[in-house]
């Protein structure tokens, strides 16, 4: 159920809706846009710092944040809990305004392209009317932005793919894609942190571990990071894999 609180949708930078009785959807724009995504992470950082009563999870995406909360923490305020919390979120956002985000980290990800590591590289090249070598060069030349983490633990949705190598998802998804696989789906590229089913076009594989559940900070990549892919050969891949924790 989505219920929009009266007077809360008037700010073009932030709209608030109830998702049932235990979550709010905070919308700061639409589409895949760096400016919108900056606002998403500014608001997520602000709410994380304020530690509002009953708020136990914040899930930022491209243009939205899903805020999960305990409604009992916002009852008894003369209005429904979702409206009381919505008004507080809006008040904080209006008061804070746009805040500076930390300088993004630059993370380099080594990738062995093609062959057994990238079984769909030739198909992507054919779909894009490019040579496999050109697909690799263009994929590795771009600077990518981590917009959000989703789908599976540590899976980073990246923006910045060269439009000339965009390719549709596979018509038949694979039942299992190896961990570390680097894929293309439409205008996005990403890395599978875990072995999972998937339908992206796999063009390479990294030996880096993107998700380490035993670590205090288990995800290698974070929203707002910048990322570059660095081509490596199979020998380097296997040497790096042996060094991985």
C-alpha atoms as a PDB file:
ATOM      1  CA  UNK A   1       0.000   0.000   0.000  1.00  0.00           C
ATOM      2  CA  UNK A   2       1.286   3.448  -0.914  1.00  0.00           C
ATOM      3  CA  UNK A   3      -0.259   6.411   0.863  1.00  0.00           C
ATOM      4  CA  UNK A   4       0.979   9.920   0.257  1.00  0.00           C
ATOM      5  CA  UNK A   5       0.785  12.271   3.202  1.00  0.00           C
ATOM      6  CA  UNK A   6      -0.955  15.601   2.467  1.00  0.00           C
ATOM      7  CA  UNK A   7       1.424  18.536   1.957  1.00  0.00           C
ATOM      8  CA  UNK A   8       4.454  16.256   1.714  1.00  0.00           C
ATOM      9  CA  UNK A   9       4.601  15.950  -2.073  1.00  0.00           C
ATOM     10  CA  UNK A  10       5.011  19.686  -2.691  1.00  0.00           C
ATOM     11  CA  UNK A  11       8.796  19.712  -2.444  1.00  0.00           C
ATOM     12  CA  UNK A  12      10.036  18.736  -5.927  1.00  0.00           C
ATOM     13  CA  UNK A  13      13.246  17.366  -4.432  1.00  0.00           C
ATOM     14  CA  UNK A  14      11.604  14.972  -1.964  1.00  0.00           C
ATOM     15  CA  UNK A  15       8.358  13.047  -2.040  1.00  0.00           C
ATOM     16  CA  UNK A  16       7.352  10.700   0.773  1.00  0.00           C
ATOM     17  CA  UNK A  17       4.958   7.760   0.522  1.00  0.00           C
ATOM     18  CA  UNK A  18       3.980   5.033   2.974  1.00  0.00           C
ATOM     19  CA  UNK A  19       4.790   1.474   1.939  1.00  0.00           C
ATOM     20  CA  UNK A  20       2.440  -0.430   4.216  1.00  0.00           C
ATOM     21  CA  UNK A  21       2.737   0.471   7.882  1.00  0.00           C
ATOM     22  CA  UNK A  22       6.451  -0.192   8.421  1.00  0.00           C
ATOM     23  CA  UNK A  23       8.273   1.531   5.567  1.00  0.00           C
ATOM     24  CA  UNK A  24       8.477   4.850   3.754  1.00  0.00           C
ATOM     25  CA  UNK A  25       9.504   5.406   0.144  1.00  0.00           C
ATOM     26  CA  UNK A  26      11.548   8.608  -0.162  1.00  0.00           C
ATOM     27  CA  UNK A  27      11.790   9.756  -3.781  1.00  0.00           C
ATOM     28  CA  UNK A  28      14.301  12.422  -4.836  1.00  0.00           C
ATOM     29  CA  UNK A  29      13.933  12.293  -8.613  1.00  0.00           C
ATOM     30  CA  UNK A  30      13.756   9.709 -11.349  1.00  0.00           C
ATOM     31  CA  UNK A  31      15.911   7.728 -13.724  1.00  0.00           C
ATOM     32  CA  UNK A  32      19.638   7.033 -13.580  1.00  0.00           C
ATOM     33  CA  UNK A  33      21.057  10.493 -12.927  1.00  0.00           C
ATOM     34  CA  UNK A  34      24.228  11.398 -10.972  1.00  0.00           C
ATOM     35  CA  UNK A  35      22.683  14.527  -9.434  1.00  0.00           C
ATOM     36  CA  UNK A  36      19.614  12.653  -8.245  1.00  0.00           C
ATOM     37  CA  UNK A  37      21.773   9.836  -6.905  1.00  0.00           C
ATOM     38  CA  UNK A  38      23.921  12.357  -5.021  1.00  0.00           C
ATOM     39  CA  UNK A  39      20.787  13.634  -3.258  1.00  0.00           C
ATOM     40  CA  UNK A  40      19.814  10.062  -2.412  1.00  0.00           C
ATOM     41  CA  UNK A  41      23.116   9.451  -0.663  1.00  0.00           C
ATOM     42  CA  UNK A  42      23.094  12.880   0.998  1.00  0.00           C
ATOM     43  CA  UNK A  43      19.711  12.117   2.550  1.00  0.00           C
ATOM     44  CA  UNK A  44      20.732   8.556   3.474  1.00  0.00           C
ATOM     45  CA  UNK A  45      23.839   9.910   5.220  1.00  0.00           C
ATOM     46  CA  UNK A  46      21.789  12.562   7.033  1.00  0.00           C
ATOM     47  CA  UNK A  47      19.208  10.050   8.280  1.00  0.00           C
ATOM     48  CA  UNK A  48      21.953   7.635   9.287  1.00  0.00           C
ATOM     49  CA  UNK A  49      23.582  10.353  11.403  1.00  0.00           C
ATOM     50  CA  UNK A  50      20.313  11.452  13.055  1.00  0.00           C
ATOM     51  CA  UNK A  51      19.383   7.922  14.210  1.00  0.00           C
ATOM     52  CA  UNK A  52      15.656   8.642  14.291  1.00  0.00           C
ATOM     53  CA  UNK A  53      13.641   6.551  16.786  1.00  0.00           C
ATOM     54  CA  UNK A  54      12.484   3.222  15.412  1.00  0.00           C
ATOM     55  CA  UNK A  55      14.351   3.555  12.097  1.00  0.00           C
ATOM     56  CA  UNK A  56      16.257   0.311  11.648  1.00  0.00           C
ATOM     57  CA  UNK A  57      17.202   0.185   7.950  1.00  0.00           C
ATOM     58  CA  UNK A  58      17.821   2.535   5.016  1.00  0.00           C
ATOM     59  CA  UNK A  59      17.999   1.095   1.501  1.00  0.00           C
ATOM     60  CA  UNK A  60      19.216   3.652  -1.084  1.00  0.00           C
ATOM     61  CA  UNK A  61      18.639   2.988  -4.791  1.00  0.00           C
ATOM     62  CA  UNK A  62      19.038   5.071  -7.976  1.00  0.00           C
ATOM     63  CA  UNK A  63      16.491   7.769  -7.083  1.00  0.00           C
ATOM     64  CA  UNK A  64      14.819   6.514  -3.897  1.00  0.00           C
ATOM     65  CA  UNK A  65      15.426   5.385  -0.332  1.00  0.00           C
ATOM     66  CA  UNK A  66      13.276   2.781   1.376  1.00  0.00           C
ATOM     67  CA  UNK A  67      13.182   3.581   5.089  1.00  0.00           C
ATOM     68  CA  UNK A  68      12.115   0.718   7.382  1.00  0.00           C
ATOM     69  CA  UNK A  69      10.839   1.636  10.837  1.00  0.00           C
ATOM     70  CA  UNK A  70       8.887   0.512  13.891  1.00  0.00           C
ATOM     71  CA  UNK A  71       5.554   2.403  13.848  1.00  0.00           C
ATOM     72  CA  UNK A  72       5.171   2.175  17.636  1.00  0.00           C
ATOM     73  CA  UNK A  73       8.077   4.619  17.951  1.00  0.00           C
ATOM     74  CA  UNK A  74       5.990   7.253  16.142  1.00  0.00           C
ATOM     75  CA  UNK A  75       2.541   6.635  17.616  1.00  0.00           C
ATOM     76  CA  UNK A  76       0.755   8.959  20.046  1.00  0.00           C
ATOM     77  CA  UNK A  77       1.681  12.130  18.141  1.00  0.00           C
ATOM     78  CA  UNK A  78      -1.836  13.080  17.058  1.00  0.00           C
ATOM     79  CA  UNK A  79      -1.397  11.720  13.538  1.00  0.00           C
ATOM     80  CA  UNK A  80      -0.650   8.361  11.874  1.00  0.00           C
ATOM     81  CA  UNK A  81       2.907   7.142  12.568  1.00  0.00           C
ATOM     82  CA  UNK A  82       3.877   7.295   8.892  1.00  0.00           C
ATOM     83  CA  UNK A  83       2.866  10.954   8.718  1.00  0.00           C
ATOM     84  CA  UNK A  84       4.700  11.876  11.921  1.00  0.00           C
ATOM     85  CA  UNK A  85       7.899  10.264  10.633  1.00  0.00           C
ATOM     86  CA  UNK A  86       7.400  11.680   7.139  1.00  0.00           C
ATOM     87  CA  UNK A  87       7.134  15.207   8.497  1.00  0.00           C
ATOM     88  CA  UNK A  88      10.316  14.745  10.536  1.00  0.00           C
ATOM     89  CA  UNK A  89      12.214  13.430   7.489  1.00  0.00           C
ATOM     90  CA  UNK A  90      11.006  16.378   5.420  1.00  0.00           C
ATOM     91  CA  UNK A  91      11.897  18.848   8.182  1.00  0.00           C
ATOM     92  CA  UNK A  92      15.428  17.481   8.465  1.00  0.00           C
ATOM     93  CA  UNK A  93      15.940  17.525   4.692  1.00  0.00           C
ATOM     94  CA  UNK A  94      14.697  21.106   4.319  1.00  0.00           C
ATOM     95  CA  UNK A  95      16.827  22.256   7.240  1.00  0.00           C
ATOM     96  CA  UNK A  96      19.985  20.503   6.095  1.00  0.00           C
ATOM     97  CA  UNK A  97      19.741  21.303   2.385  1.00  0.00           C
ATOM     98  CA  UNK A  98      22.333  19.818   0.054  1.00  0.00           C
ATOM     99  CA  UNK A  99      25.400  18.704   1.980  1.00  0.00           C
ATOM    100  CA  UNK A 100      28.800  17.824   0.606  1.00  0.00           C
ATOM    101  CA  UNK A 101      29.460  14.161   0.044  1.00  0.00           C
ATOM    102  CA  UNK A 102      32.848  12.607   0.864  1.00  0.00           C
ATOM    103  CA  UNK A 103      35.279  12.456  -2.032  1.00  0.00           C
ATOM    104  CA  UNK A 104      34.585   9.206  -3.887  1.00  0.00           C
ATOM    105  CA  UNK A 105      37.026   6.332  -3.636  1.00  0.00           C
ATOM    106  CA  UNK A 106      38.565   5.076  -6.865  1.00  0.00           C
ATOM    107  CA  UNK A 107      38.571   1.283  -6.919  1.00  0.00           C
ATOM    108  CA  UNK A 108      40.436  -0.658  -9.609  1.00  0.00           C
ATOM    109  CA  UNK A 109      39.042  -4.066 -10.532  1.00  0.00           C
ATOM    110  CA  UNK A 110      41.292  -6.426 -12.526  1.00  0.00           C
ATOM    111  CA  UNK A 111      39.404  -8.370 -15.207  1.00  0.00           C
ATOM    112  CA  UNK A 112      40.389 -11.219 -17.480  1.00  0.00           C
ATOM    113  CA  UNK A 113      38.216 -10.789 -20.568  1.00  0.00           C
ATOM    114  CA  UNK A 114      36.928 -13.410 -23.003  1.00  0.00           C
ATOM    115  CA  UNK A 115      37.504 -17.151 -23.293  1.00  0.00           C
ATOM    116  CA  UNK A 116      36.273 -19.214 -20.372  1.00  0.00           C
ATOM    117  CA  UNK A 117      36.252 -16.037 -18.254  1.00  0.00           C
ATOM    118  CA  UNK A 118      33.929 -14.146 -20.626  1.00  0.00           C
ATOM    119  CA  UNK A 119      31.854 -16.624 -22.641  1.00  0.00           C
ATOM    120  CA  UNK A 120      29.557 -13.905 -24.048  1.00  0.00           C
ATOM    121  CA  UNK A 121      32.271 -11.490 -25.227  1.00  0.00           C
ATOM    122  CA  UNK A 122      32.028 -12.568 -28.873  1.00  0.00           C
ATOM    123  CA  UNK A 123      28.224 -12.338 -28.785  1.00  0.00           C
ATOM    124  CA  UNK A 124      28.386  -8.807 -27.366  1.00  0.00           C
ATOM    125  CA  UNK A 125      30.909  -7.854 -30.048  1.00  0.00           C
ATOM    126  CA  UNK A 126      28.615  -9.212 -32.745  1.00  0.00           C
ATOM    127  CA  UNK A 127      25.549  -7.444 -31.313  1.00  0.00           C
ATOM    128  CA  UNK A 128      27.448  -4.147 -31.225  1.00  0.00           C
ATOM    129  CA  UNK A 129      29.217  -4.605 -34.587  1.00  0.00           C
ATOM    130  CA  UNK A 130      32.587  -4.302 -32.862  1.00  0.00           C
ATOM    131  CA  UNK A 131      35.560  -6.579 -32.527  1.00  0.00           C
ATOM    132  CA  UNK A 132      36.043  -8.355 -29.168  1.00  0.00           C
ATOM    133  CA  UNK A 133      39.232  -6.344 -28.677  1.00  0.00           C
ATOM    134  CA  UNK A 134      37.323  -3.091 -29.170  1.00  0.00           C
ATOM    135  CA  UNK A 135      34.634  -4.142 -26.694  1.00  0.00           C
ATOM    136  CA  UNK A 136      37.352  -4.834 -24.117  1.00  0.00           C
ATOM    137  CA  UNK A 137      39.090  -1.512 -24.795  1.00  0.00           C
ATOM    138  CA  UNK A 138      35.878   0.490 -24.523  1.00  0.00           C
ATOM    139  CA  UNK A 139      34.699  -1.354 -21.402  1.00  0.00           C
ATOM    140  CA  UNK A 140      38.034  -0.776 -19.666  1.00  0.00           C
ATOM    141  CA  UNK A 141      38.369   2.862 -20.777  1.00  0.00           C
ATOM    142  CA  UNK A 142      35.245   4.095 -18.999  1.00  0.00           C
ATOM    143  CA  UNK A 143      35.012   5.487 -15.470  1.00  0.00           C
ATOM    144  CA  UNK A 144      32.051   3.984 -13.629  1.00  0.00           C
ATOM    145  CA  UNK A 145      29.927   5.235 -10.764  1.00  0.00           C
ATOM    146  CA  UNK A 146      28.496   2.874  -8.122  1.00  0.00           C
ATOM    147  CA  UNK A 147      24.856   3.960  -7.973  1.00  0.00           C
ATOM    148  CA  UNK A 148      23.589   1.345  -5.542  1.00  0.00           C
ATOM    149  CA  UNK A 149      24.091  -2.133  -4.085  1.00  0.00           C
ATOM    150  CA  UNK A 150      21.343  -4.674  -4.728  1.00  0.00           C
ATOM    151  CA  UNK A 151      20.190  -7.973  -6.240  1.00  0.00           C
ATOM    152  CA  UNK A 152      22.666  -9.953  -4.105  1.00  0.00           C
ATOM    153  CA  UNK A 153      25.082  -8.947  -1.296  1.00  0.00           C
ATOM    154  CA  UNK A 154      27.785  -6.693  -2.694  1.00  0.00           C
ATOM    155  CA  UNK A 155      26.351  -6.460  -6.236  1.00  0.00           C
ATOM    156  CA  UNK A 156      27.117  -2.941  -7.483  1.00  0.00           C
ATOM    157  CA  UNK A 157      24.975  -1.346 -10.174  1.00  0.00           C
ATOM    158  CA  UNK A 158      27.362   0.751 -12.259  1.00  0.00           C
ATOM    159  CA  UNK A 159      26.659   3.722 -14.514  1.00  0.00           C
ATOM    160  CA  UNK A 160      28.957   5.044 -17.221  1.00  0.00           C
ATOM    161  CA  UNK A 161      29.008   2.230 -19.777  1.00  0.00           C
ATOM    162  CA  UNK A 162      30.052   3.291 -23.277  1.00  0.00           C
ATOM    163  CA  UNK A 163      26.778   3.348 -25.226  1.00  0.00           C
ATOM    164  CA  UNK A 164      28.420   1.679 -28.221  1.00  0.00           C
ATOM    165  CA  UNK A 165      28.858  -1.601 -26.309  1.00  0.00           C
ATOM    166  CA  UNK A 166      25.448  -1.717 -24.619  1.00  0.00           C
ATOM    167  CA  UNK A 167      23.858  -5.138 -25.152  1.00  0.00           C
ATOM    168  CA  UNK A 168      20.566  -6.760 -24.106  1.00  0.00           C
ATOM    169  CA  UNK A 169      20.354  -9.463 -21.476  1.00  0.00           C
ATOM    170  CA  UNK A 170      20.664 -13.051 -22.636  1.00  0.00           C
ATOM    171  CA  UNK A 171      17.430 -14.530 -23.942  1.00  0.00           C
ATOM    172  CA  UNK A 172      17.967 -17.515 -21.632  1.00  0.00           C
ATOM    173  CA  UNK A 173      19.486 -16.764 -18.203  1.00  0.00           C
ATOM    174  CA  UNK A 174      22.156 -19.080 -16.832  1.00  0.00           C
ATOM    175  CA  UNK A 175      21.280 -21.223 -13.840  1.00  0.00           C
ATOM    176  CA  UNK A 176      24.627 -20.316 -12.274  1.00  0.00           C
ATOM    177  CA  UNK A 177      27.037 -17.467 -13.006  1.00  0.00           C
ATOM    178  CA  UNK A 178      30.469 -17.771 -11.325  1.00  0.00           C
ATOM    179  CA  UNK A 179      31.435 -15.296  -8.617  1.00  0.00           C
ATOM    180  CA  UNK A 180      33.476 -12.422 -10.011  1.00  0.00           C
ATOM    181  CA  UNK A 181      31.806 -12.518 -13.437  1.00  0.00           C
ATOM    182  CA  UNK A 182      31.638  -9.126 -15.166  1.00  0.00           C
ATOM    183  CA  UNK A 183      28.536  -8.611 -17.270  1.00  0.00           C
ATOM    184  CA  UNK A 184      26.628  -6.168 -19.445  1.00  0.00           C
ATOM    185  CA  UNK A 185      22.841  -5.733 -19.448  1.00  0.00           C
ATOM    186  CA  UNK A 186      21.456  -2.853 -21.478  1.00  0.00           C
ATOM    187  CA  UNK A 187      23.211   0.346 -20.433  1.00  0.00           C
ATOM    188  CA  UNK A 188      24.599  -1.160 -17.241  1.00  0.00           C
ATOM    189  CA  UNK A 189      27.611  -3.212 -16.319  1.00  0.00           C
ATOM    190  CA  UNK A 190      28.174  -5.048 -13.057  1.00  0.00           C
ATOM    191  CA  UNK A 191      30.062  -7.761 -11.203  1.00  0.00           C
ATOM    192  CA  UNK A 192      28.511 -10.863  -9.664  1.00  0.00           C
ATOM    193  CA  UNK A 193      29.941 -11.051  -6.112  1.00  0.00           C
ATOM    194  CA  UNK A 194      28.526 -14.538  -5.523  1.00  0.00           C
ATOM    195  CA  UNK A 195      27.712 -17.517  -7.732  1.00  0.00           C
ATOM    196  CA  UNK A 196      24.039 -16.953  -8.568  1.00  0.00           C
ATOM    197  CA  UNK A 197      21.626 -17.380 -11.476  1.00  0.00           C
ATOM    198  CA  UNK A 198      21.787 -14.479 -13.909  1.00  0.00           C
ATOM    199  CA  UNK A 199      20.991 -13.257 -17.381  1.00  0.00           C
ATOM    200  CA  UNK A 200      23.647 -10.609 -18.011  1.00  0.00           C
ATOM    201  CA  UNK A 201      26.098 -10.995 -20.914  1.00  0.00           C
ATOM    202  CA  UNK A 202      29.328 -12.223 -19.278  1.00  0.00           C
ATOM    203  CA  UNK A 203      32.407 -10.660 -20.882  1.00  0.00           C
ATOM    204  CA  UNK A 204      35.054 -11.314 -18.215  1.00  0.00           C
ATOM    205  CA  UNK A 205      35.842 -12.262 -14.643  1.00  0.00           C
ATOM    206  CA  UNK A 206      37.730 -10.683 -11.752  1.00  0.00           C
ATOM    207  CA  UNK A 207      39.703 -12.595  -9.111  1.00  0.00           C
ATOM    208  CA  UNK A 208      38.785  -9.966  -6.502  1.00  0.00           C
ATOM    209  CA  UNK A 209      36.352 -10.928  -3.767  1.00  0.00           C
ATOM    210  CA  UNK A 210      33.548  -8.372  -3.632  1.00  0.00           C
ATOM    211  CA  UNK A 211      31.711  -9.825  -0.649  1.00  0.00           C
ATOM    212  CA  UNK A 212      33.419 -11.124   2.502  1.00  0.00           C
ATOM    213  CA  UNK A 213      30.686 -11.927   5.030  1.00  0.00           C
ATOM    214  CA  UNK A 214      33.153 -12.463   7.875  1.00  0.00           C
ATOM    215  CA  UNK A 215      34.454  -8.884   7.631  1.00  0.00           C
ATOM    216  CA  UNK A 216      33.039  -5.987   9.644  1.00  0.00           C
ATOM    217  CA  UNK A 217      32.518  -4.157   6.333  1.00  0.00           C
ATOM    218  CA  UNK A 218      31.691  -7.084   4.036  1.00  0.00           C
ATOM    219  CA  UNK A 219      31.164  -5.218   0.719  1.00  0.00           C
ATOM    220  CA  UNK A 220      34.201  -4.090  -1.257  1.00  0.00           C
ATOM    221  CA  UNK A 221      32.202  -1.484  -3.201  1.00  0.00           C
ATOM    222  CA  UNK A 222      29.980   1.239  -1.765  1.00  0.00           C
ATOM    223  CA  UNK A 223      27.467   3.641  -3.333  1.00  0.00           C
ATOM    224  CA  UNK A 224      29.262   6.724  -4.618  1.00  0.00           C
ATOM    225  CA  UNK A 225      32.535   4.919  -5.350  1.00  0.00           C
ATOM    226  CA  UNK A 226      34.211   5.320  -8.734  1.00  0.00           C
ATOM    227  CA  UNK A 227      35.466   2.203 -10.458  1.00  0.00           C
ATOM    228  CA  UNK A 228      37.850   1.304 -13.289  1.00  0.00           C
ATOM    229  CA  UNK A 229      38.318  -2.087 -14.897  1.00  0.00           C
ATOM    230  CA  UNK A 230      41.932  -3.099 -15.584  1.00  0.00           C
ATOM    231  CA  UNK A 231      42.478  -5.864 -18.177  1.00  0.00           C
ATOM    232  CA  UNK A 232      44.718  -8.742 -17.056  1.00  0.00           C
ATOM    233  CA  UNK A 233      45.736 -12.048 -18.625  1.00  0.00           C
ATOM    234  CA  UNK A 234      44.841 -15.541 -17.413  1.00  0.00           C
ATOM    235  CA  UNK A 235      48.191 -16.032 -15.675  1.00  0.00           C
ATOM    236  CA  UNK A 236      47.716 -12.861 -13.642  1.00  0.00           C
ATOM    237  CA  UNK A 237      44.135 -13.868 -12.883  1.00  0.00           C
ATOM    238  CA  UNK A 238      45.200 -17.191 -11.372  1.00  0.00           C
ATOM    239  CA  UNK A 239      48.065 -15.546  -9.441  1.00  0.00           C
ATOM    240  CA  UNK A 240      45.648 -12.970  -7.973  1.00  0.00           C
ATOM    241  CA  UNK A 241      43.096 -15.671  -7.165  1.00  0.00           C
ATOM    242  CA  UNK A 242      45.686 -17.533  -5.119  1.00  0.00           C
ATOM    243  CA  UNK A 243      46.402 -14.383  -3.127  1.00  0.00           C
ATOM    244  CA  UNK A 244      42.714 -13.652  -2.427  1.00  0.00           C
ATOM    245  CA  UNK A 245      41.558 -14.230   1.198  1.00  0.00           C
END
